[in-house]
Amino acid sequence: MAIIKKMSVLIVDDNEMTRTLLRSIIQGDSYEVVGEANNGVLGLERALKLRPDIICLDVSMPDKDGLEVLLEIKKDLEYTMVLMVTASRDTETVRQAIKNGASGFILKPFVMGTVLDTLESVSMKLRELIKTK
């Protein structure tokens, strides 16, 4: 039986409680939270340094919003899956995030099962992508 490595995850959100809650949901047998950042600038730096499989990226942050950071991440980390974290259901934000390369969304308030299902979905896409490259 093949051993499947844990997917590495970076959490970028300006709210400490959000990061803590996401970490507690994500960290486990299938995922390893390899880093966190409390703003977009630091998030981009950590993403480029750590090169995680998945990034949970807040849409709204004070210094550099998630949509800007997403564009920059996708330029350099083509195979990293980015999940936008948001409480907003604004269709223009969703459209822009998808256009910028988002792989999906995690909506606030978090529902543990939904967060894990979303992570599993992008993990499967990433594994398929890696197989074909």
Protein backbone atom coordinates (compact mmCIF):
# COMPACT_ATOMS: atom_id res chain seq x y z
CA MET A 1 0.00 0.00 0.00
CA ALA A 2 1.41 3.40 -0.99
CA ILE A 3 1.92 5.96 1.71
CA ILE A 4 0.39 9.31 0.78
CA LYS A 5 2.18 12.29 2.27
CA LYS A 6 0.28 14.84 4.25
CA MET A 7 -0.67 17.92 2.26
CA SER A 8 1.09 21.04 3.53
CA VAL A 9 -1.14 24.02 4.32
CA LEU A 10 -0.39 27.71 4.90
CA ILE A 11 -3.04 29.85 6.61
CA VAL A 12 -3.09 33.58 5.81
CA ASP A 13 -5.65 35.63 7.73
CA ASP A 14 -5.43 38.85 9.73
CA ASN A 15 -7.71 37.47 12.46
CA GLU A 16 -5.91 35.32 15.04
CA MET A 17 -9.10 33.52 16.09
CA THR A 18 -9.80 32.57 12.47
CA ARG A 19 -6.28 31.18 12.05
CA THR A 20 -6.55 29.22 15.30
CA LEU A 21 -9.92 27.75 14.37
CA LEU A 22 -8.80 26.80 10.85
CA ARG A 23 -5.60 25.24 12.20
CA SER A 24 -7.58 23.14 14.68
CA ILE A 25 -9.90 21.93 11.89
CA ILE A 26 -7.13 21.26 9.35
CA GLN A 27 -4.23 19.80 11.36
CA GLY A 28 -4.49 16.03 11.43
CA ASP A 29 -3.79 12.80 9.58
CA SER A 30 -4.15 14.27 6.08
CA TYR A 31 -2.93 17.85 6.47
CA GLU A 32 -0.04 19.61 8.14
CA VAL A 33 -0.24 23.34 8.83
CA VAL A 34 3.32 24.40 7.94
CA GLY A 35 2.88 28.11 8.60
CA GLU A 36 0.65 31.06 9.25
CA ALA A 37 0.69 34.75 8.40
CA ASN A 38 -1.40 37.64 9.72
CA ASN A 39 -1.25 39.83 6.61
CA GLY A 40 -0.98 39.58 2.84
CA VAL A 41 2.63 40.73 2.52
CA LEU A 42 3.89 38.20 5.07
CA GLY A 43 1.58 35.57 3.58
CA LEU A 44 3.14 36.00 0.15
CA GLU A 45 6.66 35.81 1.62
CA ARG A 46 5.82 32.62 3.52
CA ALA A 47 4.08 31.09 0.51
CA LEU A 48 7.15 31.61 -1.68
CA LYS A 49 9.48 30.29 1.03
CA LEU A 50 7.42 27.29 2.20
CA ARG A 51 5.85 26.37 -1.18
CA PRO A 52 2.81 24.69 0.46
CA ASP A 53 0.42 22.41 -1.38
CA ILE A 54 -2.62 24.43 -0.23
CA ILE A 55 -3.03 28.01 0.98
CA CYS A 56 -6.08 29.18 2.91
CA LEU A 57 -6.11 32.89 2.06
CA ASP A 58 -8.39 35.53 3.57
CA VAL A 59 -10.01 37.79 0.99
CA SER A 60 -10.13 40.92 3.17
CA MET A 61 -6.94 42.05 4.87
CA PRO A 62 -5.87 45.61 5.70
CA ASP A 63 -2.44 45.85 4.04
CA LYS A 64 -2.81 43.80 0.85
CA ASP A 65 -6.04 42.01 0.09
CA GLY A 66 -6.25 38.33 -0.73
CA LEU A 67 -7.16 38.88 -4.39
CA GLU A 68 -3.88 40.75 -4.96
CA VAL A 69 -1.88 38.15 -3.05
CA LEU A 70 -3.60 35.36 -5.00
CA LEU A 71 -2.45 36.83 -8.32
CA GLU A 72 1.15 37.00 -7.12
CA ILE A 73 1.07 33.48 -5.66
CA LYS A 74 -0.26 31.96 -8.87
CA LYS A 75 2.55 33.60 -10.90
CA ASP A 76 5.20 31.72 -8.95
CA LEU A 77 3.43 28.70 -7.47
CA GLU A 78 1.46 27.26 -10.37
CA TYR A 79 0.63 23.98 -8.62
CA THR A 80 -0.34 25.43 -5.26
CA MET A 81 -4.07 25.28 -4.62
CA VAL A 82 -5.46 28.46 -3.07
CA LEU A 83 -8.70 28.44 -1.11
CA MET A 84 -10.14 31.88 -0.44
CA VAL A 85 -11.48 32.36 3.09
CA THR A 86 -14.39 34.80 3.28
CA ALA A 87 -17.65 35.69 4.96
CA SER A 88 -18.74 37.55 1.84
CA ARG A 89 -20.93 35.98 -0.78
CA ASP A 90 -20.44 38.90 -3.17
CA THR A 91 -20.54 37.50 -6.72
CA GLU A 92 -17.99 39.99 -8.05
CA THR A 93 -15.45 38.92 -5.41
CA VAL A 94 -16.07 35.26 -6.23
CA ARG A 95 -15.72 35.95 -9.96
CA GLN A 96 -12.48 37.90 -9.46
CA ALA A 97 -11.02 35.22 -7.20
CA ILE A 98 -11.73 32.50 -9.76
CA LYS A 99 -10.27 34.68 -12.53
CA ASN A 100 -7.15 35.21 -10.39
CA GLY A 101 -6.69 31.46 -9.91
CA ALA A 102 -8.57 30.45 -6.75
CA SER A 103 -9.25 26.72 -6.47
CA GLY A 104 -12.24 27.14 -4.16
CA PHE A 105 -13.72 28.89 -1.14
CA ILE A 106 -14.02 28.32 2.58
CA LEU A 107 -16.94 30.31 3.95
CA LYS A 108 -17.18 31.84 7.40
CA PRO A 109 -18.57 30.84 9.81
CA PHE A 110 -16.70 27.54 9.40
CA VAL A 111 -18.45 24.20 9.26
CA MET A 112 -15.82 21.56 10.01
CA GLY A 113 -17.16 18.97 7.57
CA THR A 114 -17.43 21.50 4.75
CA VAL A 115 -13.88 22.78 5.33
CA LEU A 116 -12.50 19.23 5.27
CA ASP A 117 -14.54 18.31 2.18
CA THR A 118 -13.20 21.40 0.39
CA LEU A 119 -9.62 20.51 1.34
CA GLU A 120 -10.11 16.93 0.20
CA SER A 121 -11.50 18.10 -3.14
CA VAL A 122 -8.51 20.34 -3.91
CA SER A 123 -6.11 17.67 -2.61
CA MET A 124 -7.50 15.19 -5.13
CA LYS A 125 -7.17 17.78 -7.93
CA LEU A 126 -3.57 18.48 -6.91
CA ARG A 127 -2.65 14.79 -6.79
CA GLU A 128 -4.12 14.32 -10.29
CA LEU A 129 -2.26 17.39 -11.54
CA ILE A 130 1.02 16.09 -10.12
CA LYS A 131 0.47 12.65 -11.70
CA THR A 132 0.04 14.14 -15.15
CA LYS A 133 3.03 16.49 -15.09
